[in-house]
Amino acid sequence: MLEAPIITLTTDFGLKDPFAGLMKGVMLGINPHARIIDITHNIQRHNVFEASQVVAMSYKYFPTATIHIAIVDPGVGSMRRPLLVVTEDHYFIGPDNGIFSPIFEELKSTFFKVYHITSSHYYLPMSGSTFHGRDIFAPVAAWLSKGVDSHKMGEQIDDYMKIPAPKSVTTDNNTVTGEIVSIDNFGNAISNIKRDDLAKLADVESKENFRVMYINAPLPLVHYYAENQTDKLSAIINSFGHIELFAFRESASEKYNIKIGDRVIVSLA
């Protein structure tokens, strides 16, 4: 572990209730040297897929040995298992409900281990079954940050849950078809079409090489938001490498009724 280990939090807890704060208190009580970073607590309630996408796009920006806790857990208290995922560079802790599916997919050709957390002596005493974030995930992360070996947390498994993610499809070497997979706080609609998909067709730096279509209407593909200062729908490759639909200083999702699952097509111009 790092001398001052980093633990991140991604949840659907929101900020009205004390849940996130209590988790931090538990972790700091075990390891006062831990540094705790909130990625977000505003995941849509019970939306495991959204949380999985946020974790996948975020973890690479943290130092080696960072511990990432992700909790969107409608099955809390049931037979679903608490998991610890160990990769070459990071640790992930959360419920076995598919929340780490993109990590499994991304790392399937590299080293990683998945443990069912069963070593209850690392838990807090539980007075109920509704808050495993406080009683299991937080203390396990804190003990891990203090240097407890991951294999001591439980038994290794290979039947962990994975949820299918929609994938973009390239056809005829000149068209990529995808769909909207998330909508951010600004109302921008993010698709699963990536820069790498476009690079297979042409030079990505020349936006004129591509035509973006949404509901059979062509959209300009711009370099930055203010390039099109109208409220018309436009497309951009965002800082995570995804095609994103936006309206300058407007909520594109509200103004144009964009929904998760809507189809987006990019082809050679």
Protein backbone atom coordinates (compact mmCIF):
# COMPACT_ATOMS: atom_id res chain seq x y z
CA MET A 1 0.00 0.00 0.00
CA LEU A 2 0.96 3.64 -0.41
CA GLU A 3 2.20 5.48 2.67
CA ALA A 4 -0.98 7.58 2.44
CA PRO A 5 -3.31 5.20 0.57
CA ILE A 6 -6.14 6.49 -1.60
CA ILE A 7 -9.67 5.13 -1.38
CA THR A 8 -12.34 6.32 -3.84
CA LEU A 9 -16.11 6.22 -3.44
CA THR A 10 -18.74 5.85 -6.17
CA THR A 11 -22.31 5.42 -4.90
CA ASP A 12 -25.97 6.25 -5.42
CA PHE A 13 -26.27 7.46 -1.81
CA GLY A 14 -26.70 11.16 -2.62
CA LEU A 15 -25.72 13.78 -0.05
CA LYS A 16 -28.96 14.24 1.90
CA ASP A 17 -28.33 11.23 4.14
CA PRO A 18 -25.22 10.52 6.24
CA PHE A 19 -24.30 7.29 4.44
CA ALA A 20 -21.18 8.49 2.60
CA GLY A 21 -19.93 10.40 5.63
CA LEU A 22 -20.35 7.39 7.91
CA MET A 23 -18.31 5.22 5.54
CA LYS A 24 -15.52 7.78 5.67
CA GLY A 25 -15.66 7.82 9.45
CA VAL A 26 -15.33 4.03 9.59
CA MET A 27 -12.35 4.02 7.24
CA LEU A 28 -10.53 6.82 9.02
CA GLY A 29 -11.15 5.12 12.35
CA ILE A 30 -9.25 2.08 11.06
CA ASN A 31 -6.65 3.95 9.01
CA PRO A 32 -6.31 7.67 9.86
CA HIS A 33 -3.72 8.05 7.09
CA ALA A 34 -6.13 7.10 4.30
CA ARG A 35 -7.03 9.74 1.74
CA ILE A 36 -10.66 9.40 0.65
CA ILE A 37 -11.82 10.78 -2.69
CA ASP A 38 -15.47 11.12 -3.72
CA ILE A 39 -15.86 10.30 -7.39
CA THR A 40 -19.63 10.75 -7.15
CA HIS A 41 -22.57 9.94 -4.90
CA ASN A 42 -25.12 10.96 -7.53
CA ILE A 43 -25.41 7.78 -9.55
CA GLN A 44 -29.06 7.29 -10.50
CA ARG A 45 -30.66 5.22 -7.76
CA HIS A 46 -30.21 1.46 -8.31
CA ASN A 47 -28.54 2.04 -11.71
CA VAL A 48 -25.75 -0.54 -11.57
CA PHE A 49 -24.86 -0.03 -15.24
CA GLU A 50 -24.31 3.71 -14.81
CA ALA A 51 -22.06 3.08 -11.82
CA SER A 52 -20.08 0.51 -13.78
CA GLN A 53 -19.43 3.05 -16.54
CA VAL A 54 -18.32 5.73 -14.07
CA VAL A 55 -15.88 3.40 -12.34
CA ALA A 56 -14.47 2.22 -15.66
CA MET A 57 -13.85 5.75 -16.94
CA SER A 58 -12.41 7.00 -13.63
CA TYR A 59 -10.05 4.48 -12.09
CA LYS A 60 -7.14 4.94 -14.53
CA TYR A 61 -6.64 8.51 -13.36
CA PHE A 62 -5.63 7.41 -9.87
CA PRO A 63 -2.22 6.18 -8.69
CA THR A 64 -1.21 2.56 -8.51
CA ALA A 65 -2.65 0.70 -5.49
CA THR A 66 -5.72 2.92 -5.21
CA ILE A 67 -8.73 1.15 -3.70
CA HIS A 68 -12.03 1.85 -5.47
CA ILE A 69 -15.29 1.26 -3.61
CA ALA A 70 -18.38 1.17 -5.83
CA ILE A 71 -21.79 0.72 -4.24
CA VAL A 72 -25.08 0.63 -6.09
CA ASP A 73 -26.61 -2.27 -4.26
CA PRO A 74 -30.35 -2.95 -4.54
CA GLY A 75 -29.61 -6.53 -3.42
CA VAL A 76 -28.01 -5.51 -0.12
CA GLY A 77 -28.64 -8.06 2.61
CA SER A 78 -29.54 -10.83 0.16
CA MET A 79 -27.41 -13.76 -0.97
CA ARG A 80 -25.44 -11.53 -3.35
CA ARG A 81 -21.74 -11.63 -2.43
CA PRO A 82 -19.39 -8.79 -1.42
CA LEU A 83 -16.40 -8.76 -3.78
CA LEU A 84 -12.77 -7.70 -3.79
CA VAL A 85 -11.20 -7.47 -7.25
CA VAL A 86 -7.41 -7.35 -7.37
CA THR A 87 -5.66 -6.23 -10.56
CA GLU A 88 -2.02 -5.45 -11.26
CA ASP A 89 -2.52 -1.78 -10.39
CA HIS A 90 -5.81 -1.28 -8.54
CA TYR A 91 -8.30 -2.78 -6.10
CA PHE A 92 -12.10 -2.73 -6.46
CA ILE A 93 -14.60 -3.43 -3.68
CA GLY A 94 -18.35 -3.71 -4.08
CA PRO A 95 -21.34 -6.02 -4.51
CA ASP A 96 -21.41 -8.97 -6.90
CA ASN A 97 -24.11 -7.53 -9.16
CA GLY A 98 -22.18 -6.71 -12.32
CA ILE A 99 -20.90 -3.35 -11.16
CA PHE A 100 -17.34 -4.30 -12.20
CA SER A 101 -18.30 -5.81 -15.58
CA PRO A 102 -16.32 -3.26 -17.66
CA ILE A 103 -13.25 -3.94 -15.51
CA PHE A 104 -13.56 -7.68 -16.10
CA GLU A 105 -13.99 -7.10 -19.84
CA GLU A 106 -11.10 -4.66 -20.10
CA LEU A 107 -8.70 -6.83 -18.11
CA LYS A 108 -9.76 -10.25 -19.39
CA SER A 109 -6.39 -10.81 -21.08
CA THR A 110 -4.36 -9.63 -18.07
CA PHE A 111 -3.88 -10.61 -14.45
CA PHE A 112 -6.69 -10.15 -11.97
CA LYS A 113 -8.25 -12.08 -9.11
CA VAL A 114 -11.73 -11.90 -7.63
CA TYR A 115 -12.40 -12.75 -3.98
CA HIS A 116 -15.68 -13.37 -2.22
CA ILE A 117 -15.19 -11.37 0.98
CA THR A 118 -16.01 -13.82 3.79
CA SER A 119 -13.53 -12.90 6.54
CA SER A 120 -16.09 -11.37 8.88
CA HIS A 121 -13.49 -10.39 11.48
CA TYR A 122 -12.71 -7.47 9.14
CA TYR A 123 -16.37 -6.34 9.24
CA LEU A 124 -18.01 -3.98 11.69
CA PRO A 125 -20.51 -5.62 14.05
CA MET A 126 -23.78 -5.54 12.11
CA SER A 127 -27.07 -4.58 13.73
CA GLY A 128 -28.98 -4.92 10.47
CA SER A 129 -28.61 -5.92 6.81
CA THR A 130 -29.23 -2.63 5.00
CA PHE A 131 -25.84 -0.88 5.13
CA HIS A 132 -23.03 -3.11 3.90
CA GLY A 133 -21.24 0.04 2.71
CA ARG A 134 -20.57 0.94 6.33
CA ASP A 135 -20.38 -2.54 7.82
CA ILE A 136 -18.44 -4.52 5.16
CA PHE A 137 -17.07 -2.51 2.25
CA ALA A 138 -15.66 0.46 4.21
CA PRO A 139 -13.81 -1.56 6.89
CA VAL A 140 -12.47 -4.08 4.35
CA ALA A 141 -11.11 -1.22 2.22
CA ALA A 142 -9.52 0.38 5.29
CA TRP A 143 -7.84 -2.85 6.41
CA LEU A 144 -6.63 -3.42 2.86
CA SER A 145 -5.18 0.09 2.86
CA LYS A 146 -3.25 -0.80 6.02
CA GLY A 147 -1.52 -3.65 4.23
CA VAL A 148 -3.68 -6.70 4.98
CA ASP A 149 -3.12 -9.21 2.17
CA SER A 150 -6.03 -9.45 -0.23
CA HIS A 151 -6.13 -13.25 -0.07
CA LYS A 152 -6.98 -13.01 3.63
CA MET A 153 -10.30 -11.36 2.79
CA GLY A 154 -11.94 -14.54 1.49
CA GLU A 155 -11.92 -17.25 -1.14
CA GLN A 156 -11.04 -16.71 -4.78
CA ILE A 157 -13.96 -17.21 -7.20
CA ASP A 158 -14.50 -17.21 -10.94
CA ASP A 159 -18.31 -17.21 -11.13
CA TYR A 160 -18.73 -13.50 -10.42
CA MET A 161 -21.63 -11.72 -12.08
CA LYS A 162 -21.24 -9.80 -15.33
CA ILE A 163 -23.85 -7.68 -17.04
CA PRO A 164 -23.76 -7.24 -20.82
CA ALA A 165 -22.90 -3.78 -22.07
CA PRO A 166 -24.09 -2.46 -25.42
CA LYS A 167 -21.24 -2.39 -27.92
CA SER A 168 -20.74 -0.30 -31.00
CA VAL A 169 -20.70 -2.17 -34.31
CA THR A 170 -18.55 -1.33 -37.32
CA THR A 171 -19.98 -2.36 -40.69
CA ASP A 172 -18.55 -2.24 -44.20
CA ASN A 173 -15.43 -0.56 -42.81
CA ASN A 174 -17.06 2.86 -43.11
CA THR A 175 -19.91 3.03 -40.56
CA VAL A 176 -20.03 2.70 -36.78
CA THR A 177 -23.41 2.20 -35.10
CA GLY A 178 -23.79 2.72 -31.37
CA GLU A 179 -26.20 4.08 -28.80
CA ILE A 180 -26.51 6.55 -25.94
CA VAL A 181 -25.32 4.87 -22.75
CA SER A 182 -25.31 7.74 -20.23
CA ILE A 183 -26.43 11.33 -19.72
CA ASP A 184 -24.33 13.61 -17.54
CA ASN A 185 -25.35 16.40 -15.17
CA PHE A 186 -25.20 18.97 -17.99
CA GLY A 187 -27.62 16.97 -20.12
CA ASN A 188 -24.92 15.87 -22.54
CA ALA A 189 -25.64 12.45 -24.03
CA ILE A 190 -22.65 10.10 -24.17
CA SER A 191 -22.57 7.25 -26.66
CA ASN A 192 -20.59 4.01 -26.70
CA ILE A 193 -18.86 5.01 -29.95
CA LYS A 194 -15.22 5.70 -29.16
CA ARG A 195 -12.35 7.57 -30.74
CA ASP A 196 -10.69 4.22 -31.44
CA ASP A 197 -13.73 3.16 -33.48
CA LEU A 198 -13.40 6.25 -35.65
CA ALA A 199 -9.62 5.87 -35.98
CA LYS A 200 -10.25 2.61 -37.83
CA LEU A 201 -12.10 4.58 -40.49
CA ALA A 202 -10.02 7.74 -40.96
CA ASP A 203 -7.87 10.41 -39.31
CA VAL A 204 -9.76 11.41 -36.16
CA GLU A 205 -8.09 14.83 -35.97
CA SER A 206 -9.89 15.85 -39.16
CA LYS A 207 -13.49 16.07 -38.03
CA GLU A 208 -14.55 16.73 -41.61
CA ASN A 209 -13.87 13.05 -42.33
CA PHE A 210 -16.97 11.98 -40.42
CA ARG A 211 -20.72 12.38 -40.49
CA VAL A 212 -22.67 11.90 -37.25
CA MET A 213 -26.33 10.94 -37.49
CA TYR A 214 -28.95 11.03 -34.72
CA ILE A 215 -32.59 10.20 -35.56
CA ASN A 216 -31.76 10.43 -39.26
CA ALA A 217 -30.48 14.01 -38.91
CA PRO A 218 -26.83 14.93 -39.53
CA LEU A 219 -24.97 16.69 -36.70
CA PRO A 220 -21.81 18.79 -36.93
CA LEU A 221 -18.80 17.12 -35.30
CA VAL A 222 -16.87 19.93 -33.59
CA HIS A 223 -13.56 20.29 -31.75
CA TYR A 224 -14.92 22.13 -28.67
CA TYR A 225 -18.32 23.12 -27.24
CA ALA A 226 -18.23 26.81 -28.13
CA GLU A 227 -17.44 26.05 -31.75
CA ASN A 228 -21.21 25.85 -32.33
CA GLN A 229 -22.76 28.52 -30.10
CA THR A 230 -26.33 27.88 -31.20
CA ASP A 231 -28.73 25.66 -29.30
CA LYS A 232 -28.69 23.16 -32.16
CA LEU A 233 -27.61 19.62 -31.41
CA SER A 234 -23.93 18.93 -32.12
CA ALA A 235 -21.44 16.12 -31.58
CA ILE A 236 -18.00 16.11 -30.04
CA ILE A 237 -15.38 13.56 -28.98
CA ASN A 238 -15.28 14.13 -25.23
CA SER A 239 -12.30 13.88 -22.89
CA PHE A 240 -12.99 10.19 -22.24
CA GLY A 241 -12.82 9.43 -25.96
CA HIS A 242 -16.56 8.96 -26.57
CA ILE A 243 -18.86 10.58 -29.11
CA GLU A 244 -21.08 12.92 -27.11
CA LEU A 245 -24.16 14.88 -28.20
CA PHE A 246 -24.59 18.37 -26.76
CA ALA A 247 -26.33 21.71 -27.18
CA PHE A 248 -24.27 24.77 -26.22
CA ARG A 249 -25.31 25.99 -22.75
CA GLU A 250 -28.42 23.82 -22.92
CA SER A 251 -29.41 20.37 -21.72
CA ALA A 252 -29.35 18.40 -24.94
CA SER A 253 -31.18 15.48 -23.36
CA GLU A 254 -34.09 17.69 -22.26
CA LYS A 255 -34.25 19.95 -25.30
CA TYR A 256 -34.10 17.09 -27.80
CA ASN A 257 -35.66 14.35 -25.66
CA ILE A 258 -32.56 12.14 -25.90
CA LYS A 259 -32.85 8.87 -24.04
CA ILE A 260 -30.58 6.02 -23.04
CA GLY A 261 -30.56 3.51 -25.88
CA ASP A 262 -31.10 6.03 -28.70
CA ARG A 263 -29.09 5.09 -31.76
CA VAL A 264 -26.12 7.11 -33.02
CA ILE A 265 -24.36 6.45 -36.32
CA VAL A 266 -20.97 7.73 -37.47
CA SER A 267 -19.84 7.18 -41.04
CA LEU A 268 -17.26 8.50 -43.43
CA ALA A 269 -18.29 11.84 -44.83
